[in-house]
Amino acid sequence: MTKFGQAEYIDFMARIFADKLDKILETDEKQNFNSRNTEDIYRKFPSSKDAA
């Protein structure tokens, strides 16, 4: 593999990695947002711990 071919391959792999990382981070942000929404909803209701 020539040096130019290696550079193209490394660039290609870096782009694939960056794209997958973006998808993972986007999914993680959505899950964190959903968790925060759920916690906010349940804060409004008394828990069984408060009743005791």
PDB file of N, CA and C in Angstrom:
ATOM      1  N   MET A   1       0.850  -1.176   0.000  1.00  0.00           N
ATOM      2  CA  MET A   1       0.000   0.000   0.000  1.00  0.00           C
ATOM      3  C   MET A   1       0.899   1.243   0.000  1.00  0.00           C
ATOM      4  N   THR A   2       0.629   2.146  -0.900  1.00  0.00           N
ATOM      5  CA  THR A   2       1.444   3.358  -0.965  1.00  0.00           C
ATOM      6  C   THR A   2       1.105   4.278   0.195  1.00  0.00           C
ATOM      7  N   LYS A   3       1.977   5.256   0.416  1.00  0.00           N
ATOM      8  CA  LYS A   3       1.718   6.209   1.497  1.00  0.00           C
ATOM      9  C   LYS A   3       0.442   6.975   1.239  1.00  0.00           C
ATOM     10  N   PHE A   4       0.169   7.288  -0.022  1.00  0.00           N
ATOM     11  CA  PHE A   4      -1.064   7.993  -0.338  1.00  0.00           C
ATOM     12  C   PHE A   4      -2.269   7.098  -0.043  1.00  0.00           C
ATOM     13  N   GLY A   5      -2.151   5.830  -0.358  1.00  0.00           N
ATOM     14  CA  GLY A   5      -3.230   4.883  -0.081  1.00  0.00           C
ATOM     15  C   GLY A   5      -3.449   4.731   1.421  1.00  0.00           C
ATOM     16  N   GLN A   6      -2.367   4.714   2.179  1.00  0.00           N
ATOM     17  CA  GLN A   6      -2.487   4.624   3.638  1.00  0.00           C
ATOM     18  C   GLN A   6      -3.188   5.854   4.199  1.00  0.00           C
ATOM     19  N   ALA A   7      -2.847   7.019   3.680  1.00  0.00           N
ATOM     20  CA  ALA A   7      -3.463   8.255   4.157  1.00  0.00           C
ATOM     21  C   ALA A   7      -4.958   8.261   3.849  1.00  0.00           C
ATOM     22  N   GLU A   8      -5.319   7.795   2.662  1.00  0.00           N
ATOM     23  CA  GLU A   8      -6.742   7.718   2.316  1.00  0.00           C
ATOM     24  C   GLU A   8      -7.466   6.735   3.231  1.00  0.00           C
ATOM     25  N   TYR A   9      -6.837   5.598   3.500  1.00  0.00           N
ATOM     26  CA  TYR A   9      -7.447   4.582   4.365  1.00  0.00           C
ATOM     27  C   TYR A   9      -7.625   5.122   5.785  1.00  0.00           C
ATOM     28  N   ILE A  10      -6.611   5.788   6.312  1.00  0.00           N
ATOM     29  CA  ILE A  10      -6.694   6.346   7.667  1.00  0.00           C
ATOM     30  C   ILE A  10      -7.777   7.415   7.726  1.00  0.00           C
ATOM     31  N   ASP A  11      -7.861   8.253   6.708  1.00  0.00           N
ATOM     32  CA  ASP A  11      -8.904   9.281   6.651  1.00  0.00           C
ATOM     33  C   ASP A  11     -10.288   8.630   6.621  1.00  0.00           C
ATOM     34  N   PHE A  12     -10.427   7.587   5.814  1.00  0.00           N
ATOM     35  CA  PHE A  12     -11.690   6.851   5.712  1.00  0.00           C
ATOM     36  C   PHE A  12     -12.084   6.255   7.067  1.00  0.00           C
ATOM     37  N   MET A  13     -11.140   5.612   7.740  1.00  0.00           N
ATOM     38  CA  MET A  13     -11.422   5.001   9.035  1.00  0.00           C
ATOM     39  C   MET A  13     -11.770   6.068  10.084  1.00  0.00           C
ATOM     40  N   ALA A  14     -11.082   7.202  10.044  1.00  0.00           N
ATOM     41  CA  ALA A  14     -11.368   8.286  10.987  1.00  0.00           C
ATOM     42  C   ALA A  14     -12.775   8.823  10.773  1.00  0.00           C
ATOM     43  N   ARG A  15     -13.192   8.948   9.536  1.00  0.00           N
ATOM     44  CA  ARG A  15     -14.544   9.431   9.246  1.00  0.00           C
ATOM     45  C   ARG A  15     -15.604   8.433   9.731  1.00  0.00           C
ATOM     46  N   ILE A  16     -15.357   7.147   9.513  1.00  0.00           N
ATOM     47  CA  ILE A  16     -16.301   6.125   9.989  1.00  0.00           C
ATOM     48  C   ILE A  16     -16.390   6.172  11.511  1.00  0.00           C
ATOM     49  N   PHE A  17     -15.253   6.258  12.178  1.00  0.00           N
ATOM     50  CA  PHE A  17     -15.231   6.326  13.634  1.00  0.00           C
ATOM     51  C   PHE A  17     -15.987   7.551  14.130  1.00  0.00           C
ATOM     52  N   ALA A  18     -15.749   8.696  13.505  1.00  0.00           N
ATOM     53  CA  ALA A  18     -16.411   9.936  13.918  1.00  0.00           C
ATOM     54  C   ALA A  18     -17.925   9.838  13.724  1.00  0.00           C
ATOM     55  N   ASP A  19     -18.350   9.246  12.619  1.00  0.00           N
ATOM     56  CA  ASP A  19     -19.786   9.090  12.363  1.00  0.00           C
ATOM     57  C   ASP A  19     -20.429   8.183  13.409  1.00  0.00           C
ATOM     58  N   LYS A  20     -19.771   7.069  13.717  1.00  0.00           N
ATOM     59  CA  LYS A  20     -20.319   6.156  14.723  1.00  0.00           C
ATOM     60  C   LYS A  20     -20.329   6.806  16.097  1.00  0.00           C
ATOM     61  N   LEU A  21     -19.288   7.567  16.421  1.00  0.00           N
ATOM     62  CA  LEU A  21     -19.226   8.260  17.697  1.00  0.00           C
ATOM     63  C   LEU A  21     -20.361   9.285  17.805  1.00  0.00           C
ATOM     64  N   ASP A  22     -20.627  10.008  16.720  1.00  0.00           N
ATOM     65  CA  ASP A  22     -21.734  10.966  16.707  1.00  0.00           C
ATOM     66  C   ASP A  22     -23.067  10.271  16.982  1.00  0.00           C
ATOM     67  N   LYS A  23     -23.276   9.119  16.362  1.00  0.00           N
ATOM     68  CA  LYS A  23     -24.533   8.379  16.572  1.00  0.00           C
ATOM     69  C   LYS A  23     -24.649   7.908  18.020  1.00  0.00           C
ATOM     70  N   ILE A  24     -23.553   7.414  18.575  1.00  0.00           N
ATOM     71  CA  ILE A  24     -23.560   6.939  19.964  1.00  0.00           C
ATOM     72  C   ILE A  24     -23.862   8.089  20.911  1.00  0.00           C
ATOM     73  N   LEU A  25     -23.211   9.226  20.706  1.00  0.00           N
ATOM     74  CA  LEU A  25     -23.432  10.376  21.578  1.00  0.00           C
ATOM     75  C   LEU A  25     -24.850  10.911  21.443  1.00  0.00           C
ATOM     76  N   GLU A  26     -25.383  10.907  20.236  1.00  0.00           N
ATOM     77  CA  GLU A  26     -26.750  11.374  20.012  1.00  0.00           C
ATOM     78  C   GLU A  26     -27.745  10.467  20.738  1.00  0.00           C
ATOM     79  N   THR A  27     -27.543   9.168  20.656  1.00  0.00           N
ATOM     80  CA  THR A  27     -28.411   8.219  21.343  1.00  0.00           C
ATOM     81  C   THR A  27     -28.313   8.405  22.850  1.00  0.00           C
ATOM     82  N   ASP A  28     -27.103   8.599  23.352  1.00  0.00           N
ATOM     83  CA  ASP A  28     -26.888   8.799  24.785  1.00  0.00           C
ATOM     84  C   ASP A  28     -27.574  10.067  25.270  1.00  0.00           C
ATOM     85  N   GLU A  29     -27.497  11.130  24.485  1.00  0.00           N
ATOM     86  CA  GLU A  29     -28.151  12.386  24.861  1.00  0.00           C
ATOM     87  C   GLU A  29     -29.661  12.209  24.932  1.00  0.00           C
ATOM     88  N   LYS A  30     -30.231  11.460  23.986  1.00  0.00           N
ATOM     89  CA  LYS A  30     -31.677  11.213  23.994  1.00  0.00           C
ATOM     90  C   LYS A  30     -32.070  10.419  25.233  1.00  0.00           C
ATOM     91  N   GLN A  31     -31.268   9.409  25.593  1.00  0.00           N
ATOM     92  CA  GLN A  31     -31.579   8.600  26.773  1.00  0.00           C
ATOM     93  C   GLN A  31     -31.483   9.436  28.036  1.00  0.00           C
ATOM     94  N   ASN A  32     -30.474  10.292  28.136  1.00  0.00           N
ATOM     95  CA  ASN A  32     -30.337  11.160  29.306  1.00  0.00           C
ATOM     96  C   ASN A  32     -31.498  12.133  29.401  1.00  0.00           C
ATOM     97  N   PHE A  33     -31.926  12.659  28.261  1.00  0.00           N
ATOM     98  CA  PHE A  33     -33.053  13.588  28.238  1.00  0.00           C
ATOM     99  C   PHE A  33     -34.324  12.879  28.702  1.00  0.00           C
ATOM    100  N   ASN A  34     -34.545  11.654  28.227  1.00  0.00           N
ATOM    101  CA  ASN A  34     -35.722  10.892  28.636  1.00  0.00           C
ATOM    102  C   ASN A  34     -35.682  10.573  30.125  1.00  0.00           C
ATOM    103  N   SER A  35     -34.511  10.250  30.638  1.00  0.00           N
ATOM    104  CA  SER A  35     -34.372   9.951  32.065  1.00  0.00           C
ATOM    105  C   SER A  35     -34.679  11.187  32.894  1.00  0.00           C
ATOM    106  N   ARG A  36     -34.183  12.349  32.454  1.00  0.00           N
ATOM    107  CA  ARG A  36     -34.453  13.584  33.193  1.00  0.00           C
ATOM    108  C   ARG A  36     -35.940  13.909  33.174  1.00  0.00           C
ATOM    109  N   ASN A  37     -36.601  13.688  32.043  1.00  0.00           N
ATOM    110  CA  ASN A  37     -38.037  13.944  31.969  1.00  0.00           C
ATOM    111  C   ASN A  37     -38.796  13.031  32.914  1.00  0.00           C
ATOM    112  N   THR A  38     -38.415  11.771  32.964  1.00  0.00           N
ATOM    113  CA  THR A  38     -39.075  10.812  33.848  1.00  0.00           C
ATOM    114  C   THR A  38     -38.871  11.211  35.303  1.00  0.00           C
ATOM    115  N   GLU A  39     -37.664  11.597  35.657  1.00  0.00           N
ATOM    116  CA  GLU A  39     -37.392  12.017  37.035  1.00  0.00           C
ATOM    117  C   GLU A  39     -38.203  13.252  37.394  1.00  0.00           C
ATOM    118  N   ASP A  40     -38.323  14.202  36.473  1.00  0.00           N
ATOM    119  CA  ASP A  40     -39.116  15.403  36.733  1.00  0.00           C
ATOM    120  C   ASP A  40     -40.586  15.071  36.946  1.00  0.00           C
ATOM    121  N   ILE A  41     -41.101  14.132  36.172  1.00  0.00           N
ATOM    122  CA  ILE A  41     -42.512  13.743  36.309  1.00  0.00           C
ATOM    123  C   ILE A  41     -42.744  13.094  37.671  1.00  0.00           C
ATOM    124  N   TYR A  42     -41.870  12.179  38.058  1.00  0.00           N
ATOM    125  CA  TYR A  42     -42.077  11.448  39.309  1.00  0.00           C
ATOM    126  C   TYR A  42     -41.817  12.302  40.549  1.00  0.00           C
ATOM    127  N   ARG A  43     -41.077  13.396  40.403  1.00  0.00           N
ATOM    128  CA  ARG A  43     -40.856  14.297  41.548  1.00  0.00           C
ATOM    129  C   ARG A  43     -42.162  14.950  42.005  1.00  0.00           C
ATOM    130  N   LYS A  44     -43.093  15.082  41.099  1.00  0.00           N
ATOM    131  CA  LYS A  44     -44.355  15.760  41.413  1.00  0.00           C
ATOM    132  C   LYS A  44     -45.276  14.902  42.285  1.00  0.00           C
ATOM    133  N   PHE A  45     -45.025  13.603  42.321  1.00  0.00           N
ATOM    134  CA  PHE A  45     -45.884  12.692  43.062  1.00  0.00           C
ATOM    135  C   PHE A  45     -45.204  12.237  44.350  1.00  0.00           C
ATOM    136  N   PRO A  46     -45.968  12.113  45.429  1.00  0.00           N
ATOM    137  CA  PRO A  46     -45.359  11.614  46.672  1.00  0.00           C
ATOM    138  C   PRO A  46     -44.974  10.150  46.528  1.00  0.00           C
ATOM    139  N   SER A  47     -43.866   9.778  47.127  1.00  0.00           N
ATOM    140  CA  SER A  47     -43.430   8.386  47.046  1.00  0.00           C
ATOM    141  C   SER A  47     -43.890   7.642  48.288  1.00  0.00           C
ATOM    142  N   SER A  48     -43.772   6.351  48.243  1.00  0.00           N
ATOM    143  CA  SER A  48     -44.150   5.534  49.401  1.00  0.00           C
ATOM    144  C   SER A  48     -43.223   5.816  50.582  1.00  0.00           C
ATOM    145  N   LYS A  49     -42.000   6.261  50.314  1.00  0.00           N
ATOM    146  CA  LYS A  49     -41.054   6.603  51.383  1.00  0.00           C
ATOM    147  C   LYS A  49     -41.552   7.819  52.159  1.00  0.00           C
ATOM    148  N   ASP A  50     -42.179   8.785  51.464  1.00  0.00           N
ATOM    149  CA  ASP A  50     -42.681   9.971  52.118  1.00  0.00           C
ATOM    150  C   ASP A  50     -43.876   9.653  53.003  1.00  0.00           C
ATOM    151  N   ALA A  51     -44.646   8.653  52.665  1.00  0.00           N
ATOM    152  CA  ALA A  51     -45.857   8.319  53.404  1.00  0.00           C
ATOM    153  C   ALA A  51     -45.522   7.672  54.760  1.00  0.00           C
ATOM    154  N   ALA A  52     -44.369   7.041  54.852  1.00  0.00           N
ATOM    155  CA  ALA A  52     -44.021   6.319  56.078  1.00  0.00           C
ATOM    156  C   ALA A  52     -43.531   7.227  57.172  1.00  0.00           C
TER     157      ALA A  52
END
